[in-house]
C-alpha atoms as a PDB file:
ATOM      1  CA  UNK A   1      23.798  62.889  19.428  1.00  0.00           C
ATOM      2  CA  UNK A   2      24.940  59.736  21.081  1.00  0.00           C
ATOM      3  CA  UNK A   3      24.762  56.049  20.419  1.00  0.00           C
ATOM      4  CA  UNK A   4      26.005  52.956  22.096  1.00  0.00           C
ATOM      5  CA  UNK A   5      28.621  51.517  19.792  1.00  0.00           C
ATOM      6  CA  UNK A   6      27.215  48.055  20.374  1.00  0.00           C
ATOM      7  CA  UNK A   7      23.939  49.052  18.728  1.00  0.00           C
ATOM      8  CA  UNK A   8      25.743  49.370  15.413  1.00  0.00           C
ATOM      9  CA  UNK A   9      28.038  46.401  15.829  1.00  0.00           C
ATOM     10  CA  UNK A  10      25.703  44.229  13.803  1.00  0.00           C
ATOM     11  CA  UNK A  11      25.946  46.604  10.858  1.00  0.00           C
ATOM     12  CA  UNK A  12      29.588  45.898  10.207  1.00  0.00           C
ATOM     13  CA  UNK A  13      28.959  42.438   8.791  1.00  0.00           C
ATOM     14  CA  UNK A  14      29.548  43.690   5.260  1.00  0.00           C
ATOM     15  CA  UNK A  15      33.021  44.865   6.189  1.00  0.00           C
ATOM     16  CA  UNK A  16      32.356  48.173   4.496  1.00  0.00           C
ATOM     17  CA  UNK A  17      34.138  50.561   6.840  1.00  0.00           C
ATOM     18  CA  UNK A  18      36.695  52.301   4.672  1.00  0.00           C
ATOM     19  CA  UNK A  19      38.498  55.579   4.417  1.00  0.00           C
ATOM     20  CA  UNK A  20      38.579  57.071   0.963  1.00  0.00           C
ATOM     21  CA  UNK A  21      40.172  60.119  -0.594  1.00  0.00           C
ATOM     22  CA  UNK A  22      37.459  60.155  -3.286  1.00  0.00           C
ATOM     23  CA  UNK A  23      34.295  62.250  -2.988  1.00  0.00           C
ATOM     24  CA  UNK A  24      30.810  60.837  -2.349  1.00  0.00           C
ATOM     25  CA  UNK A  25      30.040  60.299  -6.061  1.00  0.00           C
ATOM     26  CA  UNK A  26      33.335  58.614  -6.933  1.00  0.00           C
ATOM     27  CA  UNK A  27      33.151  56.493  -3.794  1.00  0.00           C
ATOM     28  CA  UNK A  28      29.664  55.312  -4.790  1.00  0.00           C
ATOM     29  CA  UNK A  29      30.880  54.515  -8.306  1.00  0.00           C
ATOM     30  CA  UNK A  30      33.860  52.526  -6.987  1.00  0.00           C
ATOM     31  CA  UNK A  31      31.625  50.525  -4.632  1.00  0.00           C
ATOM     32  CA  UNK A  32      29.851  49.022  -7.643  1.00  0.00           C
ATOM     33  CA  UNK A  33      26.488  48.530  -5.929  1.00  0.00           C
ATOM     34  CA  UNK A  34      25.128  52.049  -6.379  1.00  0.00           C
ATOM     35  CA  UNK A  35      24.874  52.185 -10.188  1.00  0.00           C
ATOM     36  CA  UNK A  36      21.189  53.154 -10.132  1.00  0.00           C
ATOM     37  CA  UNK A  37      21.795  55.812  -7.498  1.00  0.00           C
ATOM     38  CA  UNK A  38      24.654  57.297  -9.520  1.00  0.00           C
ATOM     39  CA  UNK A  39      22.500  57.315 -12.683  1.00  0.00           C
ATOM     40  CA  UNK A  40      19.726  59.073 -10.751  1.00  0.00           C
ATOM     41  CA  UNK A  41      22.177  61.617  -9.287  1.00  0.00           C
ATOM     42  CA  UNK A  42      23.344  62.390 -12.836  1.00  0.00           C
ATOM     43  CA  UNK A  43      19.767  62.685 -14.139  1.00  0.00           C
ATOM     44  CA  UNK A  44      18.862  65.034 -11.281  1.00  0.00           C
ATOM     45  CA  UNK A  45      21.887  67.265 -11.906  1.00  0.00           C
ATOM     46  CA  UNK A  46      23.342  66.623  -8.451  1.00  0.00           C
ATOM     47  CA  UNK A  47      26.811  65.353  -9.385  1.00  0.00           C
ATOM     48  CA  UNK A  48      28.515  68.733  -8.953  1.00  0.00           C
ATOM     49  CA  UNK A  49      26.819  69.245  -5.583  1.00  0.00           C
ATOM     50  CA  UNK A  50      27.796  65.824  -4.218  1.00  0.00           C
ATOM     51  CA  UNK A  51      31.347  66.295  -5.479  1.00  0.00           C
ATOM     52  CA  UNK A  52      31.460  69.609  -3.597  1.00  0.00           C
ATOM     53  CA  UNK A  53      33.022  70.373  -0.245  1.00  0.00           C
ATOM     54  CA  UNK A  54      30.135  69.071   1.833  1.00  0.00           C
ATOM     55  CA  UNK A  55      30.200  67.669   4.363  1.00  0.00           C
ATOM     56  CA  UNK A  56      27.425  65.217   3.519  1.00  0.00           C
ATOM     57  CA  UNK A  57      25.956  62.086   4.964  1.00  0.00           C
ATOM     58  CA  UNK A  58      24.236  60.026   2.297  1.00  0.00           C
ATOM     59  CA  UNK A  59      21.818  57.243   3.150  1.00  0.00           C
ATOM     60  CA  UNK A  60      22.505  55.408  -0.103  1.00  0.00           C
ATOM     61  CA  UNK A  61      20.045  52.885  -1.503  1.00  0.00           C
ATOM     62  CA  UNK A  62      21.698  49.964  -3.294  1.00  0.00           C
ATOM     63  CA  UNK A  63      20.752  48.821  -6.777  1.00  0.00           C
ATOM     64  CA  UNK A  64      18.641  46.118  -5.094  1.00  0.00           C
ATOM     65  CA  UNK A  65      16.821  48.827  -3.122  1.00  0.00           C
ATOM     66  CA  UNK A  66      15.894  50.659  -6.326  1.00  0.00           C
ATOM     67  CA  UNK A  67      14.731  47.351  -7.812  1.00  0.00           C
ATOM     68  CA  UNK A  68      12.088  47.163  -5.042  1.00  0.00           C
ATOM     69  CA  UNK A  69      10.300  50.255  -6.394  1.00  0.00           C
ATOM     70  CA  UNK A  70       7.048  49.563  -8.240  1.00  0.00           C
ATOM     71  CA  UNK A  71       7.559  48.731 -11.915  1.00  0.00           C
ATOM     72  CA  UNK A  72       8.017  51.849 -14.032  1.00  0.00           C
ATOM     73  CA  UNK A  73       8.651  54.203 -11.087  1.00  0.00           C
ATOM     74  CA  UNK A  74      12.380  54.606 -11.643  1.00  0.00           C
ATOM     75  CA  UNK A  75      12.022  54.949 -15.406  1.00  0.00           C
ATOM     76  CA  UNK A  76       9.422  57.673 -14.870  1.00  0.00           C
ATOM     77  CA  UNK A  77      11.588  59.537 -12.353  1.00  0.00           C
ATOM     78  CA  UNK A  78      14.573  59.509 -14.721  1.00  0.00           C
ATOM     79  CA  UNK A  79      12.624  61.397 -17.410  1.00  0.00           C
ATOM     80  CA  UNK A  80      13.699  65.046 -17.827  1.00  0.00           C
ATOM     81  CA  UNK A  81      10.205  66.315 -17.004  1.00  0.00           C
ATOM     82  CA  UNK A  82      10.459  64.680 -13.547  1.00  0.00           C
ATOM     83  CA  UNK A  83      13.882  66.097 -12.703  1.00  0.00           C
ATOM     84  CA  UNK A  84      12.664  68.226  -9.765  1.00  0.00           C
ATOM     85  CA  UNK A  85      10.742  65.326  -8.205  1.00  0.00           C
ATOM     86  CA  UNK A  86      13.799  63.077  -8.582  1.00  0.00           C
ATOM     87  CA  UNK A  87      16.002  65.782  -7.081  1.00  0.00           C
ATOM     88  CA  UNK A  88      13.664  66.078  -4.076  1.00  0.00           C
ATOM     89  CA  UNK A  89      13.702  62.318  -3.525  1.00  0.00           C
ATOM     90  CA  UNK A  90      17.482  62.074  -3.808  1.00  0.00           C
ATOM     91  CA  UNK A  91      18.148  65.046  -1.523  1.00  0.00           C
ATOM     92  CA  UNK A  92      15.821  63.362   0.989  1.00  0.00           C
ATOM     93  CA  UNK A  93      18.629  60.797   1.337  1.00  0.00           C
ATOM     94  CA  UNK A  94      21.244  63.437   2.256  1.00  0.00           C
ATOM     95  CA  UNK A  95      22.103  65.267   5.485  1.00  0.00           C
ATOM     96  CA  UNK A  96      24.216  68.418   5.196  1.00  0.00           C
ATOM     97  CA  UNK A  97      26.713  67.238   7.822  1.00  0.00           C
ATOM     98  CA  UNK A  98      29.131  64.367   8.318  1.00  0.00           C
ATOM     99  CA  UNK A  99      27.434  61.952  10.702  1.00  0.00           C
ATOM    100  CA  UNK A 100      29.499  58.818  11.347  1.00  0.00           C
ATOM    101  CA  UNK A 101      27.727  55.826  12.873  1.00  0.00           C
ATOM    102  CA  UNK A 102      29.098  56.577  16.339  1.00  0.00           C
ATOM    103  CA  UNK A 103      27.020  59.788  16.332  1.00  0.00           C
ATOM    104  CA  UNK A 104      23.748  58.236  15.169  1.00  0.00           C
ATOM    105  CA  UNK A 105      20.841  58.201  17.599  1.00  0.00           C
ATOM    106  CA  UNK A 106      17.059  58.076  17.504  1.00  0.00           C
ATOM    107  CA  UNK A 107      15.930  61.476  16.271  1.00  0.00           C
ATOM    108  CA  UNK A 108      14.318  63.464  13.501  1.00  0.00           C
ATOM    109  CA  UNK A 109      16.975  64.404  10.946  1.00  0.00           C
ATOM    110  CA  UNK A 110      16.904  67.482   8.715  1.00  0.00           C
ATOM    111  CA  UNK A 111      17.433  66.338   5.154  1.00  0.00           C
ATOM    112  CA  UNK A 112      18.846  68.516   2.363  1.00  0.00           C
ATOM    113  CA  UNK A 113      15.435  68.769   0.643  1.00  0.00           C
ATOM    114  CA  UNK A 114      14.150  70.660   3.716  1.00  0.00           C
ATOM    115  CA  UNK A 115      12.067  67.844   5.174  1.00  0.00           C
ATOM    116  CA  UNK A 116      12.694  65.620   8.186  1.00  0.00           C
ATOM    117  CA  UNK A 117      13.322  61.877   8.284  1.00  0.00           C
ATOM    118  CA  UNK A 118      12.939  59.548  11.260  1.00  0.00           C
ATOM    119  CA  UNK A 119      16.196  57.928  12.293  1.00  0.00           C
ATOM    120  CA  UNK A 120      15.684  55.122  14.817  1.00  0.00           C
ATOM    121  CA  UNK A 121      18.113  52.994  16.793  1.00  0.00           C
ATOM    122  CA  UNK A 122      16.473  49.989  18.446  1.00  0.00           C
ATOM    123  CA  UNK A 123      17.586  46.445  19.290  1.00  0.00           C
ATOM    124  CA  UNK A 124      20.937  46.787  17.499  1.00  0.00           C
ATOM    125  CA  UNK A 125      19.206  47.971  14.322  1.00  0.00           C
ATOM    126  CA  UNK A 126      19.212  51.363  12.682  1.00  0.00           C
ATOM    127  CA  UNK A 127      16.467  52.492  10.332  1.00  0.00           C
ATOM    128  CA  UNK A 128      15.656  55.688   8.510  1.00  0.00           C
ATOM    129  CA  UNK A 129      11.978  56.034   7.639  1.00  0.00           C
ATOM    130  CA  UNK A 130      11.702  52.263   7.837  1.00  0.00           C
ATOM    131  CA  UNK A 131      14.650  51.505   5.538  1.00  0.00           C
ATOM    132  CA  UNK A 132      17.251  49.315   7.221  1.00  0.00           C
ATOM    133  CA  UNK A 133      20.788  50.647   7.465  1.00  0.00           C
ATOM    134  CA  UNK A 134      22.784  47.618   6.309  1.00  0.00           C
ATOM    135  CA  UNK A 135      26.325  49.039   6.273  1.00  0.00           C
ATOM    136  CA  UNK A 136      27.884  52.153   7.753  1.00  0.00           C
ATOM    137  CA  UNK A 137      30.827  54.498   7.588  1.00  0.00           C
ATOM    138  CA  UNK A 138      31.937  54.329   3.993  1.00  0.00           C
ATOM    139  CA  UNK A 139      34.140  57.380   4.298  1.00  0.00           C
ATOM    140  CA  UNK A 140      34.614  59.836   1.440  1.00  0.00           C
ATOM    141  CA  UNK A 141      36.649  63.010   1.245  1.00  0.00           C
ATOM    142  CA  UNK A 142      33.515  65.133   1.636  1.00  0.00           C
ATOM    143  CA  UNK A 143      31.395  62.997   3.931  1.00  0.00           C
ATOM    144  CA  UNK A 144      30.148  59.529   4.735  1.00  0.00           C
ATOM    145  CA  UNK A 145      27.830  56.972   3.154  1.00  0.00           C
ATOM    146  CA  UNK A 146      25.516  54.679   5.115  1.00  0.00           C
ATOM    147  CA  UNK A 147      23.939  51.953   2.977  1.00  0.00           C
ATOM    148  CA  UNK A 148      20.166  51.374   3.113  1.00  0.00           C
ATOM    149  CA  UNK A 149      18.021  48.566   1.735  1.00  0.00           C
ATOM    150  CA  UNK A 150      15.120  50.687   0.424  1.00  0.00           C
ATOM    151  CA  UNK A 151      14.540  53.998  -1.276  1.00  0.00           C
ATOM    152  CA  UNK A 152      12.945  56.445   1.160  1.00  0.00           C
ATOM    153  CA  UNK A 153      10.349  58.869  -0.113  1.00  0.00           C
ATOM    154  CA  UNK A 154       9.760  62.331   1.319  1.00  0.00           C
ATOM    155  CA  UNK A 155       6.400  62.882   2.982  1.00  0.00           C
ATOM    156  CA  UNK A 156       3.820  64.583   0.802  1.00  0.00           C
ATOM    157  CA  UNK A 157       3.693  68.299   1.526  1.00  0.00           C
END
């Protein structure tokens, strides 16, 4: 996997590149803009997994990204009876490897839920299934977080 570093240069405008001794979950909590994601991870029972050894790459939707979902969608997904659906959606945002921005390229990516997502690098922009990557390389002890502006949904099986 290769990528011209210049193609991600525009993504550093948020100044988010950090190195962190905390795991993915604690790093997301400390960032303060992933409260909905953290609540969903808790509801899906994925905290222990994402605090594990990894490595993981998480394409993390911000609170604003979750707010774009149709009214009632998030509330429905957070109900206990929808735990497996929520888990599938959340694990569709995770790669079971540490993939820093320098290694990102246009390709199909195997997500933890077993499905593939389309990662595209074009004109200094990176997208995953149409969601814009708006910040990269938030380093955690067990992986890396790339911030996205929309929640991505797995394709229907």
